[in-house]
Amino acid sequence: MSDLVADIELDTKGLKCPEPVMMLHRQIRKMAVGEVVKVIATDPATMRDIPSFCEFLPHELLSSSVEDEVYLFWLKKGQR
């Protein structure tokens, strides 16, 4: 369990690739630089897709974990 605090929580449980990343992309556009979003997902593909999203775009993956088949990610919005 992470001690990170998120400004926004994005629940994508039950959604399959590419929907979680599409929702994350829409959410990040609305956020201010430096804000943190916590993504909650159940699609195992997010373990690959969300780190790739952060590498492709200037966002920082602060932490990720798996708890009972739920995937958790904390991302900080970078500058574009």
C-alpha atoms as a PDB file:
ATOM      1  CA  MET A   1       0.000   0.000   0.000  1.00  0.00           C
ATOM      2  CA  SER A   2       1.389   3.381  -0.966  1.00  0.00           C
ATOM      3  CA  ASP A   3       1.485   6.414   1.311  1.00  0.00           C
ATOM      4  CA  LEU A   4       1.141   8.718  -1.681  1.00  0.00           C
ATOM      5  CA  VAL A   5      -1.742  11.171  -1.686  1.00  0.00           C
ATOM      6  CA  ALA A   6      -3.602  11.748  -4.931  1.00  0.00           C
ATOM      7  CA  ASP A   7      -5.359  14.923  -6.010  1.00  0.00           C
ATOM      8  CA  ILE A   8      -7.687  12.845  -8.222  1.00  0.00           C
ATOM      9  CA  GLU A   9      -8.764   9.205  -8.183  1.00  0.00           C
ATOM     10  CA  LEU A  10      -9.622   7.552 -11.500  1.00  0.00           C
ATOM     11  CA  ASP A  11     -11.561   4.282 -11.207  1.00  0.00           C
ATOM     12  CA  THR A  12     -11.246   2.165 -14.355  1.00  0.00           C
ATOM     13  CA  LYS A  13     -12.217  -1.158 -12.759  1.00  0.00           C
ATOM     14  CA  GLY A  14     -13.955  -3.505 -15.198  1.00  0.00           C
ATOM     15  CA  LEU A  15     -12.625  -1.715 -18.288  1.00  0.00           C
ATOM     16  CA  LYS A  16     -10.311  -3.402 -20.788  1.00  0.00           C
ATOM     17  CA  CYS A  17      -7.479  -2.062 -22.909  1.00  0.00           C
ATOM     18  CA  PRO A  18      -7.413   0.589 -24.323  1.00  0.00           C
ATOM     19  CA  GLU A  19     -10.157   2.214 -22.217  1.00  0.00           C
ATOM     20  CA  PRO A  20      -8.171   2.723 -18.954  1.00  0.00           C
ATOM     21  CA  VAL A  21      -5.372   4.566 -20.768  1.00  0.00           C
ATOM     22  CA  MET A  22      -7.852   6.597 -22.832  1.00  0.00           C
ATOM     23  CA  MET A  23      -9.629   7.675 -19.634  1.00  0.00           C
ATOM     24  CA  LEU A  24      -6.278   8.495 -18.013  1.00  0.00           C
ATOM     25  CA  HIS A  25      -5.264  10.607 -21.001  1.00  0.00           C
ATOM     26  CA  ARG A  26      -8.553  12.571 -20.821  1.00  0.00           C
ATOM     27  CA  GLN A  27      -8.158  13.080 -17.064  1.00  0.00           C
ATOM     28  CA  ILE A  28      -4.540  14.225 -17.269  1.00  0.00           C
ATOM     29  CA  ARG A  29      -5.474  16.889 -19.819  1.00  0.00           C
ATOM     30  CA  LYS A  30      -7.760  18.490 -17.194  1.00  0.00           C
ATOM     31  CA  MET A  31      -5.107  18.459 -14.456  1.00  0.00           C
ATOM     32  CA  ALA A  32      -2.522  21.067 -13.506  1.00  0.00           C
ATOM     33  CA  VAL A  33       1.189  20.298 -13.839  1.00  0.00           C
ATOM     34  CA  GLY A  34       2.390  18.586 -10.649  1.00  0.00           C
ATOM     35  CA  GLU A  35      -0.988  17.162  -9.647  1.00  0.00           C
ATOM     36  CA  VAL A  36      -1.154  13.448  -8.845  1.00  0.00           C
ATOM     37  CA  VAL A  37      -3.763  11.002 -10.145  1.00  0.00           C
ATOM     38  CA  LYS A  38      -4.345   7.563  -8.656  1.00  0.00           C
ATOM     39  CA  VAL A  39      -5.552   5.024 -11.218  1.00  0.00           C
ATOM     40  CA  ILE A  40      -7.428   1.928 -10.043  1.00  0.00           C
ATOM     41  CA  ALA A  41      -7.670  -0.817 -12.668  1.00  0.00           C
ATOM     42  CA  THR A  42      -8.509  -4.501 -13.027  1.00  0.00           C
ATOM     43  CA  ASP A  43      -7.075  -5.061 -16.517  1.00  0.00           C
ATOM     44  CA  PRO A  44      -3.628  -6.731 -16.256  1.00  0.00           C
ATOM     45  CA  ALA A  45      -2.608  -4.934 -19.472  1.00  0.00           C
ATOM     46  CA  THR A  46      -2.430  -1.689 -17.473  1.00  0.00           C
ATOM     47  CA  MET A  47       0.808  -2.986 -15.911  1.00  0.00           C
ATOM     48  CA  ARG A  48       2.343  -2.560 -19.367  1.00  0.00           C
ATOM     49  CA  ASP A  49       0.215   0.256 -20.778  1.00  0.00           C
ATOM     50  CA  ILE A  50       0.391   2.849 -18.001  1.00  0.00           C
ATOM     51  CA  PRO A  51       4.220   2.800 -17.626  1.00  0.00           C
ATOM     52  CA  SER A  52       4.448   3.084 -21.436  1.00  0.00           C
ATOM     53  CA  PHE A  53       2.025   6.021 -21.344  1.00  0.00           C
ATOM     54  CA  CYS A  54       4.320   7.757 -18.843  1.00  0.00           C
ATOM     55  CA  GLU A  55       7.405   7.107 -20.962  1.00  0.00           C
ATOM     56  CA  PHE A  56       5.741   8.376 -24.145  1.00  0.00           C
ATOM     57  CA  LEU A  57       4.338  11.511 -22.499  1.00  0.00           C
ATOM     58  CA  PRO A  58       6.138  13.649 -19.925  1.00  0.00           C
ATOM     59  CA  HIS A  59       4.415  12.215 -16.837  1.00  0.00           C
ATOM     60  CA  GLU A  60       6.086  10.587 -13.849  1.00  0.00           C
ATOM     61  CA  LEU A  61       4.996   7.171 -12.597  1.00  0.00           C
ATOM     62  CA  LEU A  62       5.463   7.642  -8.859  1.00  0.00           C
ATOM     63  CA  SER A  63       4.377   4.180  -7.763  1.00  0.00           C
ATOM     64  CA  SER A  64       2.486   1.082  -8.826  1.00  0.00           C
ATOM     65  CA  SER A  65       1.241  -1.931  -6.925  1.00  0.00           C
ATOM     66  CA  VAL A  66      -1.108  -4.899  -7.143  1.00  0.00           C
ATOM     67  CA  GLU A  67      -3.591  -5.743  -4.389  1.00  0.00           C
ATOM     68  CA  ASP A  68      -5.972  -8.686  -4.840  1.00  0.00           C
ATOM     69  CA  GLU A  69      -5.932  -8.419  -8.660  1.00  0.00           C
ATOM     70  CA  VAL A  70      -6.499  -4.659  -8.519  1.00  0.00           C
ATOM     71  CA  TYR A  71      -3.744  -2.590 -10.120  1.00  0.00           C
ATOM     72  CA  LEU A  72      -2.920   0.778  -8.561  1.00  0.00           C
ATOM     73  CA  PHE A  73      -0.851   3.553 -10.141  1.00  0.00           C
ATOM     74  CA  TRP A  74       0.121   7.023  -8.948  1.00  0.00           C
ATOM     75  CA  LEU A  75       1.163   9.446 -11.701  1.00  0.00           C
ATOM     76  CA  LYS A  76       2.312  13.042 -11.504  1.00  0.00           C
ATOM     77  CA  LYS A  77       1.431  15.251 -14.443  1.00  0.00           C
ATOM     78  CA  GLY A  78       4.499  16.576 -16.186  1.00  0.00           C
ATOM     79  CA  GLN A  79       4.923  19.595 -18.408  1.00  0.00           C
ATOM     80  CA  ARG A  80       4.142  19.332 -22.077  1.00  0.00           C
END
